[in-house]
Amino acid sequence: MWWLWIVVAMVLIAGPIFWARPSPRERRLAALRSDALSLGLKISTEIVDPWTADRLKQAKISNYRLITISHGPRFRLWRFPGRDTWTPTPQTIGLSGREGPVWAWIQDLPESIRSVQVSETGLSVTIDEDIPGLTASEIHQHLQALKALVQASADAD
């Protein structure tokens, strides 16, 4: 009978330890974010507006940002689940981001990239972190390509 008490005590001690360990998803995200930080990207969690949350089916998203000064048009385009087209936010004016080489580049982005934003403080992409496969170096390459396209279009104007 004493051995039963030993097993119960070990389960009571080991249970919380195993429960507190990170899941495989948490380990994958921690590695992705750590690699992104080492490449110089800034990561933030954004609470989206009701218009976007309704279409995205989630209230919080992860942004991977490349801090740079951009002189081109400001825009944000979204690709919502179940749709193939990119949709501008209501604040995006005119055809910003939906024309020229930037638009052609956006069409070829991986499915896990949900948003592309060009602002006065930098360039960012929003990642659906539940879709595995995109690495930090690939995110960095996409942002560098966007930076080159935005600079080229600003120089042409």
N, C-alpha and C. Protein backbone atom coordinates (compact mmCIF):
# COMPACT_ATOMS: atom_id res chain seq x y z
N MET A 1 0.80 -1.20 0.00
CA MET A 1 0.00 0.00 0.00
C MET A 1 0.85 1.27 0.00
N TRP A 2 2.04 1.21 0.62
CA TRP A 2 2.90 2.38 0.69
C TRP A 2 3.38 2.79 -0.69
N TRP A 3 3.55 1.83 -1.62
CA TRP A 3 3.99 2.16 -2.98
C TRP A 3 2.96 2.99 -3.71
N LEU A 4 1.66 2.79 -3.43
CA LEU A 4 0.61 3.59 -4.04
C LEU A 4 0.74 5.06 -3.63
N TRP A 5 1.07 5.30 -2.36
CA TRP A 5 1.26 6.67 -1.90
C TRP A 5 2.48 7.31 -2.53
N ILE A 6 3.49 6.55 -2.80
CA ILE A 6 4.68 7.07 -3.48
C ILE A 6 4.34 7.49 -4.91
N VAL A 7 3.58 6.66 -5.63
CA VAL A 7 3.17 6.98 -7.00
C VAL A 7 2.29 8.22 -7.02
N VAL A 8 1.34 8.32 -6.10
CA VAL A 8 0.46 9.49 -6.03
C VAL A 8 1.29 10.75 -5.75
N ALA A 9 2.24 10.67 -4.83
CA ALA A 9 3.08 11.82 -4.51
C ALA A 9 3.92 12.24 -5.72
N MET A 10 4.46 11.27 -6.47
CA MET A 10 5.26 11.59 -7.65
C MET A 10 4.41 12.24 -8.73
N VAL A 11 3.18 11.76 -8.90
CA VAL A 11 2.29 12.36 -9.88
C VAL A 11 1.95 13.79 -9.48
N LEU A 12 1.70 14.01 -8.20
CA LEU A 12 1.39 15.36 -7.72
C LEU A 12 2.57 16.31 -7.89
N ILE A 13 3.77 15.81 -7.81
CA ILE A 13 4.97 16.64 -7.99
C ILE A 13 5.25 16.86 -9.48
N ALA A 14 5.18 15.80 -10.27
CA ALA A 14 5.55 15.88 -11.69
C ALA A 14 4.46 16.53 -12.55
N GLY A 15 3.21 16.43 -12.16
CA GLY A 15 2.11 16.96 -12.97
C GLY A 15 2.27 18.43 -13.32
N PRO A 16 2.42 19.30 -12.32
CA PRO A 16 2.57 20.73 -12.63
C PRO A 16 3.82 21.04 -13.45
N ILE A 17 4.88 20.28 -13.25
CA ILE A 17 6.10 20.50 -14.01
C ILE A 17 5.85 20.23 -15.50
N PHE A 18 5.21 19.12 -15.82
CA PHE A 18 4.93 18.81 -17.22
C PHE A 18 3.86 19.73 -17.80
N TRP A 19 2.93 20.18 -16.98
CA TRP A 19 1.89 21.08 -17.46
C TRP A 19 2.47 22.45 -17.83
N ALA A 20 3.50 22.90 -17.13
CA ALA A 20 4.11 24.20 -17.36
C ALA A 20 5.06 24.22 -18.55
N ARG A 21 5.42 23.08 -19.06
CA ARG A 21 6.34 23.04 -20.21
C ARG A 21 5.65 23.60 -21.45
N PRO A 22 6.42 24.28 -22.31
CA PRO A 22 5.82 24.84 -23.53
C PRO A 22 5.39 23.74 -24.51
N SER A 23 4.33 24.04 -25.22
CA SER A 23 3.83 23.10 -26.24
C SER A 23 4.73 23.20 -27.48
N PRO A 24 4.61 22.26 -28.42
CA PRO A 24 5.39 22.36 -29.66
C PRO A 24 5.12 23.66 -30.42
N ARG A 25 3.86 24.14 -30.41
CA ARG A 25 3.54 25.40 -31.08
C ARG A 25 4.26 26.57 -30.41
N GLU A 26 4.26 26.59 -29.09
CA GLU A 26 4.92 27.66 -28.36
C GLU A 26 6.43 27.65 -28.60
N ARG A 27 7.03 26.46 -28.67
CA ARG A 27 8.46 26.37 -28.96
C ARG A 27 8.78 26.85 -30.37
N ARG A 28 7.91 26.50 -31.35
CA ARG A 28 8.11 26.93 -32.73
C ARG A 28 8.02 28.45 -32.83
N LEU A 29 7.01 29.05 -32.17
CA LEU A 29 6.85 30.50 -32.21
C LEU A 29 8.00 31.22 -31.50
N ALA A 30 8.46 30.68 -30.40
CA ALA A 30 9.58 31.29 -29.69
C ALA A 30 10.84 31.28 -30.56
N ALA A 31 11.08 30.17 -31.26
CA ALA A 31 12.25 30.10 -32.14
C ALA A 31 12.10 31.08 -33.31
N LEU A 32 10.90 31.16 -33.91
CA LEU A 32 10.66 32.09 -35.01
C LEU A 32 10.88 33.53 -34.56
N ARG A 33 10.33 33.90 -33.44
CA ARG A 33 10.46 35.27 -32.95
C ARG A 33 11.90 35.59 -32.55
N SER A 34 12.58 34.65 -31.95
CA SER A 34 13.97 34.86 -31.58
C SER A 34 14.84 35.07 -32.82
N ASP A 35 14.62 34.25 -33.84
CA ASP A 35 15.38 34.41 -35.09
C ASP A 35 15.06 35.75 -35.76
N ALA A 36 13.79 36.16 -35.72
CA ALA A 36 13.39 37.44 -36.33
C ALA A 36 14.05 38.61 -35.60
N LEU A 37 14.10 38.54 -34.29
CA LEU A 37 14.75 39.60 -33.51
C LEU A 37 16.24 39.68 -33.83
N SER A 38 16.88 38.52 -34.01
CA SER A 38 18.30 38.51 -34.33
C SER A 38 18.58 39.08 -35.72
N LEU A 39 17.58 39.08 -36.61
CA LEU A 39 17.74 39.67 -37.94
C LEU A 39 17.41 41.16 -37.95
N GLY A 40 17.04 41.71 -36.81
CA GLY A 40 16.76 43.13 -36.70
C GLY A 40 15.31 43.51 -36.89
N LEU A 41 14.43 42.54 -36.93
CA LEU A 41 13.00 42.84 -37.07
C LEU A 41 12.41 43.14 -35.69
N LYS A 42 11.40 43.97 -35.68
CA LYS A 42 10.65 44.26 -34.46
C LYS A 42 9.35 43.49 -34.52
N ILE A 43 8.97 42.90 -33.42
CA ILE A 43 7.76 42.08 -33.36
C ILE A 43 6.80 42.72 -32.37
N SER A 44 5.55 42.83 -32.78
CA SER A 44 4.55 43.38 -31.88
C SER A 44 3.24 42.62 -32.06
N THR A 45 2.45 42.65 -31.02
CA THR A 45 1.10 42.10 -31.09
C THR A 45 0.14 43.27 -31.19
N GLU A 46 -0.72 43.22 -32.18
CA GLU A 46 -1.64 44.32 -32.43
C GLU A 46 -3.07 43.85 -32.21
N ILE A 47 -3.83 44.66 -31.54
CA ILE A 47 -5.26 44.42 -31.41
C ILE A 47 -5.92 45.12 -32.58
N VAL A 48 -6.59 44.36 -33.42
CA VAL A 48 -7.13 44.92 -34.66
C VAL A 48 -8.48 45.59 -34.42
N ASP A 49 -8.83 46.47 -35.34
CA ASP A 49 -10.10 47.17 -35.27
C ASP A 49 -11.25 46.20 -35.55
N PRO A 50 -12.47 46.55 -35.20
CA PRO A 50 -13.61 45.64 -35.39
C PRO A 50 -13.84 45.23 -36.85
N TRP A 51 -13.60 46.13 -37.80
CA TRP A 51 -13.76 45.81 -39.23
C TRP A 51 -12.86 44.64 -39.62
N THR A 52 -11.60 44.71 -39.19
CA THR A 52 -10.64 43.66 -39.52
C THR A 52 -10.89 42.40 -38.70
N ALA A 53 -11.18 42.54 -37.42
CA ALA A 53 -11.40 41.38 -36.55
C ALA A 53 -12.57 40.54 -37.05
N ASP A 54 -13.61 41.20 -37.56
CA ASP A 54 -14.77 40.49 -38.07
C ASP A 54 -14.39 39.63 -39.29
N ARG A 55 -13.54 40.13 -40.14
CA ARG A 55 -13.14 39.41 -41.34
C ARG A 55 -12.01 38.41 -41.08
N LEU A 56 -11.13 38.76 -40.14
CA LEU A 56 -9.98 37.92 -39.84
C LEU A 56 -10.32 36.78 -38.89
N LYS A 57 -11.39 36.93 -38.14
CA LYS A 57 -11.85 35.96 -37.14
C LYS A 57 -10.87 35.81 -35.97
N GLN A 58 -10.14 36.88 -35.70
CA GLN A 58 -9.30 36.93 -34.52
C GLN A 58 -9.06 38.39 -34.16
N ALA A 59 -8.81 38.65 -32.90
CA ALA A 59 -8.69 40.02 -32.42
C ALA A 59 -7.24 40.49 -32.29
N LYS A 60 -6.30 39.54 -32.19
CA LYS A 60 -4.89 39.90 -32.03
C LYS A 60 -4.09 39.26 -33.15
N ILE A 61 -3.09 40.01 -33.65
CA ILE A 61 -2.23 39.53 -34.72
C ILE A 61 -0.79 39.86 -34.38
N SER A 62 0.14 39.17 -35.01
CA SER A 62 1.57 39.42 -34.81
C SER A 62 2.14 40.12 -36.03
N ASN A 63 2.74 41.28 -35.78
CA ASN A 63 3.39 42.06 -36.84
C ASN A 63 4.89 41.89 -36.77
N TYR A 64 5.49 41.71 -37.92
CA TYR A 64 6.95 41.67 -38.05
C TYR A 64 7.32 42.91 -38.84
N ARG A 65 8.06 43.82 -38.22
CA ARG A 65 8.30 45.15 -38.79
C ARG A 65 9.78 45.37 -39.05
N LEU A 66 10.04 45.98 -40.19
CA LEU A 66 11.37 46.46 -40.54
C LEU A 66 11.32 47.97 -40.40
N ILE A 67 12.08 48.51 -39.47
CA ILE A 67 12.07 49.94 -39.22
C ILE A 67 12.89 50.63 -40.31
N THR A 68 12.25 51.51 -41.03
CA THR A 68 12.90 52.26 -42.10
C THR A 68 12.05 53.49 -42.41
N ILE A 69 12.64 54.46 -43.03
CA ILE A 69 11.88 55.63 -43.46
C ILE A 69 11.43 55.36 -44.89
N SER A 70 10.13 55.41 -45.11
CA SER A 70 9.60 55.17 -46.45
C SER A 70 8.95 56.44 -46.97
N HIS A 71 9.21 56.73 -48.24
CA HIS A 71 8.71 57.96 -48.84
C HIS A 71 7.57 57.71 -49.82
N GLY A 72 7.16 56.49 -49.99
CA GLY A 72 6.09 56.17 -50.92
C GLY A 72 4.73 56.34 -50.29
N PRO A 73 3.70 55.89 -50.97
CA PRO A 73 2.35 55.99 -50.42
C PRO A 73 2.18 55.07 -49.21
N ARG A 74 1.33 55.48 -48.29
CA ARG A 74 1.03 54.68 -47.09
C ARG A 74 -0.19 53.82 -47.39
N PHE A 75 -0.09 52.56 -47.05
CA PHE A 75 -1.24 51.68 -47.26
C PHE A 75 -1.14 50.46 -46.37
N ARG A 76 -2.24 49.77 -46.26
CA ARG A 76 -2.30 48.47 -45.60
C ARG A 76 -3.29 47.62 -46.36
N LEU A 77 -2.83 46.46 -46.78
CA LEU A 77 -3.67 45.51 -47.50
C LEU A 77 -3.78 44.23 -46.69
N TRP A 78 -4.98 43.63 -46.72
CA TRP A 78 -5.26 42.40 -45.97
C TRP A 78 -5.65 41.29 -46.93
N ARG A 79 -5.23 40.07 -46.60
CA ARG A 79 -5.74 38.87 -47.26
C ARG A 79 -6.45 38.07 -46.17
N PHE A 80 -7.77 38.05 -46.26
CA PHE A 80 -8.56 37.38 -45.23
C PHE A 80 -8.72 35.90 -45.55
N PRO A 81 -8.86 35.06 -44.52
CA PRO A 81 -9.03 33.62 -44.75
C PRO A 81 -10.22 33.34 -45.68
N GLY A 82 -9.99 32.46 -46.63
CA GLY A 82 -11.05 32.08 -47.55
C GLY A 82 -11.16 32.98 -48.76
N ARG A 83 -10.34 34.01 -48.85
CA ARG A 83 -10.37 34.93 -49.99
C ARG A 83 -9.00 34.96 -50.65
N ASP A 84 -9.00 35.09 -51.96
CA ASP A 84 -7.74 35.17 -52.70
C ASP A 84 -7.29 36.60 -52.92
N THR A 85 -8.21 37.55 -52.82
CA THR A 85 -7.88 38.93 -53.13
C THR A 85 -7.36 39.67 -51.90
N TRP A 86 -6.61 40.72 -52.17
CA TRP A 86 -6.10 41.59 -51.11
C TRP A 86 -7.05 42.77 -50.98
N THR A 87 -7.43 43.08 -49.76
CA THR A 87 -8.41 44.13 -49.48
C THR A 87 -7.74 45.25 -48.70
N PRO A 88 -7.90 46.51 -49.14
CA PRO A 88 -7.34 47.61 -48.35
C PRO A 88 -8.20 47.90 -47.12
N THR A 89 -7.59 48.47 -46.12
CA THR A 89 -8.36 48.92 -44.96
C THR A 89 -9.19 50.14 -45.39
N PRO A 90 -10.24 50.45 -44.68
CA PRO A 90 -11.04 51.63 -45.05
C PRO A 90 -10.23 52.92 -45.04
N GLN A 91 -9.11 52.97 -44.28
CA GLN A 91 -8.30 54.18 -44.23
C GLN A 91 -7.36 54.34 -45.43
N THR A 92 -7.13 53.26 -46.20
CA THR A 92 -6.25 53.34 -47.36
C THR A 92 -6.95 54.14 -48.46
N ILE A 93 -6.26 55.15 -48.94
CA ILE A 93 -6.84 56.05 -49.92
C ILE A 93 -6.54 55.57 -51.34
N GLY A 94 -7.55 55.60 -52.19
CA GLY A 94 -7.37 55.31 -53.61
C GLY A 94 -6.82 53.93 -53.89
N LEU A 95 -5.87 53.87 -54.81
CA LEU A 95 -5.29 52.59 -55.23
C LEU A 95 -3.96 52.31 -54.56
N SER A 96 -3.64 52.99 -53.49
CA SER A 96 -2.35 52.81 -52.82
C SER A 96 -2.08 51.34 -52.56
N GLY A 97 -0.95 50.88 -53.05
CA GLY A 97 -0.54 49.50 -52.86
C GLY A 97 -1.15 48.52 -53.84
N ARG A 98 -2.13 48.95 -54.62
CA ARG A 98 -2.82 48.05 -55.53
C ARG A 98 -2.48 48.35 -56.99
N GLU A 99 -1.27 48.80 -57.22
CA GLU A 99 -0.84 49.08 -58.58
C GLU A 99 0.68 48.96 -58.65
N GLY A 100 1.18 48.76 -59.84
CA GLY A 100 2.62 48.74 -60.09
C GLY A 100 3.32 47.50 -59.58
N PRO A 101 4.65 47.62 -59.45
CA PRO A 101 5.47 46.48 -59.04
C PRO A 101 5.16 45.98 -57.63
N VAL A 102 4.75 46.88 -56.74
CA VAL A 102 4.41 46.45 -55.37
C VAL A 102 3.22 45.51 -55.41
N TRP A 103 2.22 45.85 -56.22
CA TRP A 103 1.03 45.01 -56.33
C TRP A 103 1.38 43.64 -56.91
N ALA A 104 2.23 43.61 -57.91
CA ALA A 104 2.65 42.32 -58.50
C ALA A 104 3.40 41.49 -57.46
N TRP A 105 4.22 42.13 -56.65
CA TRP A 105 4.98 41.41 -55.61
C TRP A 105 4.03 40.85 -54.55
N ILE A 106 3.04 41.64 -54.15
CA ILE A 106 2.09 41.21 -53.12
C ILE A 106 1.33 39.96 -53.55
N GLN A 107 1.03 39.84 -54.83
CA GLN A 107 0.26 38.70 -55.33
C GLN A 107 0.98 37.37 -55.11
N ASP A 108 2.30 37.39 -55.02
CA ASP A 108 3.08 36.15 -54.90
C ASP A 108 3.48 35.81 -53.46
N LEU A 109 2.95 36.53 -52.49
CA LEU A 109 3.32 36.26 -51.10
C LEU A 109 2.71 34.94 -50.61
N PRO A 110 3.37 34.27 -49.68
CA PRO A 110 2.84 33.02 -49.14
C PRO A 110 1.52 33.23 -48.41
N GLU A 111 0.77 32.17 -48.31
CA GLU A 111 -0.56 32.20 -47.69
C GLU A 111 -0.53 32.65 -46.24
N SER A 112 0.57 32.39 -45.53
CA SER A 112 0.62 32.73 -44.11
C SER A 112 0.79 34.23 -43.86
N ILE A 113 1.11 35.01 -44.89
CA ILE A 113 1.19 36.46 -44.74
C ILE A 113 -0.21 37.02 -44.95
N ARG A 114 -0.76 37.62 -43.91
CA ARG A 114 -2.14 38.11 -43.93
C ARG A 114 -2.25 39.60 -44.24
N SER A 115 -1.18 40.36 -43.99
CA SER A 115 -1.27 41.80 -44.18
C SER A 115 0.09 42.35 -44.57
N VAL A 116 0.07 43.39 -45.40
CA VAL A 116 1.27 44.13 -45.78
C VAL A 116 0.97 45.60 -45.49
N GLN A 117 1.89 46.25 -44.78
CA GLN A 117 1.67 47.65 -44.44
C GLN A 117 2.92 48.46 -44.73
N VAL A 118 2.71 49.63 -45.33
CA VAL A 118 3.76 50.61 -45.53
C VAL A 118 3.33 51.86 -44.78
N SER A 119 4.12 52.28 -43.81
CA SER A 119 3.82 53.47 -43.03
C SER A 119 5.04 54.37 -43.02
N GLU A 120 4.91 55.53 -42.40
CA GLU A 120 6.03 56.46 -42.36
C GLU A 120 7.18 55.96 -41.50
N THR A 121 6.92 55.02 -40.60
CA THR A 121 7.97 54.52 -39.70
C THR A 121 8.54 53.18 -40.11
N GLY A 122 7.96 52.54 -41.11
CA GLY A 122 8.52 51.26 -41.51
C GLY A 122 7.58 50.43 -42.35
N LEU A 123 8.03 49.23 -42.59
CA LEU A 123 7.29 48.26 -43.39
C LEU A 123 6.99 47.07 -42.49
N SER A 124 5.80 46.52 -42.63
CA SER A 124 5.49 45.37 -41.80
C SER A 124 4.62 44.37 -42.54
N VAL A 125 4.72 43.14 -42.09
CA VAL A 125 3.84 42.07 -42.55
C VAL A 125 3.23 41.44 -41.32
N THR A 126 1.99 41.03 -41.47
CA THR A 126 1.29 40.32 -40.41
C THR A 126 1.27 38.86 -40.78
N ILE A 127 1.65 38.02 -39.84
CA ILE A 127 1.79 36.60 -40.08
C ILE A 127 0.69 35.83 -39.35
N ASP A 128 0.10 34.88 -40.05
CA ASP A 128 -0.79 33.93 -39.38
C ASP A 128 0.12 32.85 -38.81
N GLU A 129 0.39 32.95 -37.53
CA GLU A 129 1.37 32.06 -36.91
C GLU A 129 0.87 30.64 -36.74
N ASP A 130 -0.39 30.40 -37.01
CA ASP A 130 -0.91 29.04 -36.94
C ASP A 130 -0.63 28.25 -38.21
N ILE A 131 -0.14 28.93 -39.25
CA ILE A 131 0.26 28.25 -40.49
C ILE A 131 1.78 28.14 -40.44
N PRO A 132 2.32 26.96 -40.13
CA PRO A 132 3.77 26.82 -40.02
C PRO A 132 4.43 26.83 -41.40
N GLY A 133 5.74 27.01 -41.40
CA GLY A 133 6.50 26.89 -42.63
C GLY A 133 7.28 28.13 -43.01
N LEU A 134 6.85 29.30 -42.57
CA LEU A 134 7.55 30.54 -42.91
C LEU A 134 8.65 30.78 -41.87
N THR A 135 9.87 30.97 -42.33
CA THR A 135 10.99 31.19 -41.42
C THR A 135 11.24 32.69 -41.24
N ALA A 136 12.02 33.02 -40.23
CA ALA A 136 12.35 34.42 -39.97
C ALA A 136 13.17 35.01 -41.12
N SER A 137 14.06 34.23 -41.70
CA SER A 137 14.85 34.76 -42.81
C SER A 137 13.98 35.02 -44.03
N GLU A 138 12.95 34.20 -44.25
CA GLU A 138 12.03 34.45 -45.36
C GLU A 138 11.21 35.72 -45.10
N ILE A 139 10.77 35.93 -43.87
CA ILE A 139 10.05 37.15 -43.53
C ILE A 139 10.95 38.36 -43.78
N HIS A 140 12.20 38.26 -43.35
CA HIS A 140 13.16 39.34 -43.56
C HIS A 140 13.39 39.60 -45.05
N GLN A 141 13.51 38.54 -45.85
CA GLN A 141 13.69 38.71 -47.30
C GLN A 141 12.47 39.39 -47.93
N HIS A 142 11.27 39.02 -47.50
CA HIS A 142 10.06 39.66 -48.03
C HIS A 142 10.04 41.15 -47.70
N LEU A 143 10.42 41.49 -46.48
CA LEU A 143 10.43 42.90 -46.08
C LEU A 143 11.52 43.68 -46.82
N GLN A 144 12.65 43.06 -47.05
CA GLN A 144 13.72 43.73 -47.81
C GLN A 144 13.28 43.96 -49.26
N ALA A 145 12.58 42.98 -49.83
CA ALA A 145 12.08 43.13 -51.20
C ALA A 145 11.05 44.25 -51.27
N LEU A 146 10.16 44.32 -50.27
CA LEU A 146 9.17 45.39 -50.22
C LEU A 146 9.86 46.75 -50.08
N LYS A 147 10.90 46.81 -49.26
CA LYS A 147 11.65 48.05 -49.08
C LYS A 147 12.24 48.52 -50.42
N ALA A 148 12.83 47.61 -51.16
CA ALA A 148 13.42 47.96 -52.46
C ALA A 148 12.34 48.46 -53.43
N LEU A 149 11.18 47.79 -53.46
CA LEU A 149 10.10 48.20 -54.36
C LEU A 149 9.53 49.55 -53.98
N VAL A 150 9.35 49.80 -52.69
CA VAL A 150 8.81 51.09 -52.24
C VAL A 150 9.80 52.20 -52.54
N GLN A 151 11.09 51.95 -52.33
CA GLN A 151 12.09 52.98 -52.62
C GLN A 151 12.16 53.26 -54.13
N ALA A 152 12.07 52.20 -54.94
CA ALA A 152 12.11 52.39 -56.39
C ALA A 152 10.90 53.19 -56.88
N SER A 153 9.72 52.90 -56.32
CA SER A 153 8.54 53.63 -56.75
C SER A 153 8.58 55.07 -56.26
N ALA A 154 9.17 55.32 -55.07
CA ALA A 154 9.30 56.70 -54.57
C ALA A 154 10.31 57.48 -55.42
N ASP A 155 11.39 56.81 -55.86
CA ASP A 155 12.39 57.47 -56.70
C ASP A 155 11.83 57.79 -58.08
N ALA A 156 10.91 56.96 -58.56
CA ALA A 156 10.31 57.18 -59.88
C ALA A 156 9.34 58.35 -59.87
N ASP A 157 8.78 58.66 -58.71
CA ASP A 157 7.78 59.76 -58.63
C ASP A 157 8.41 61.10 -58.59
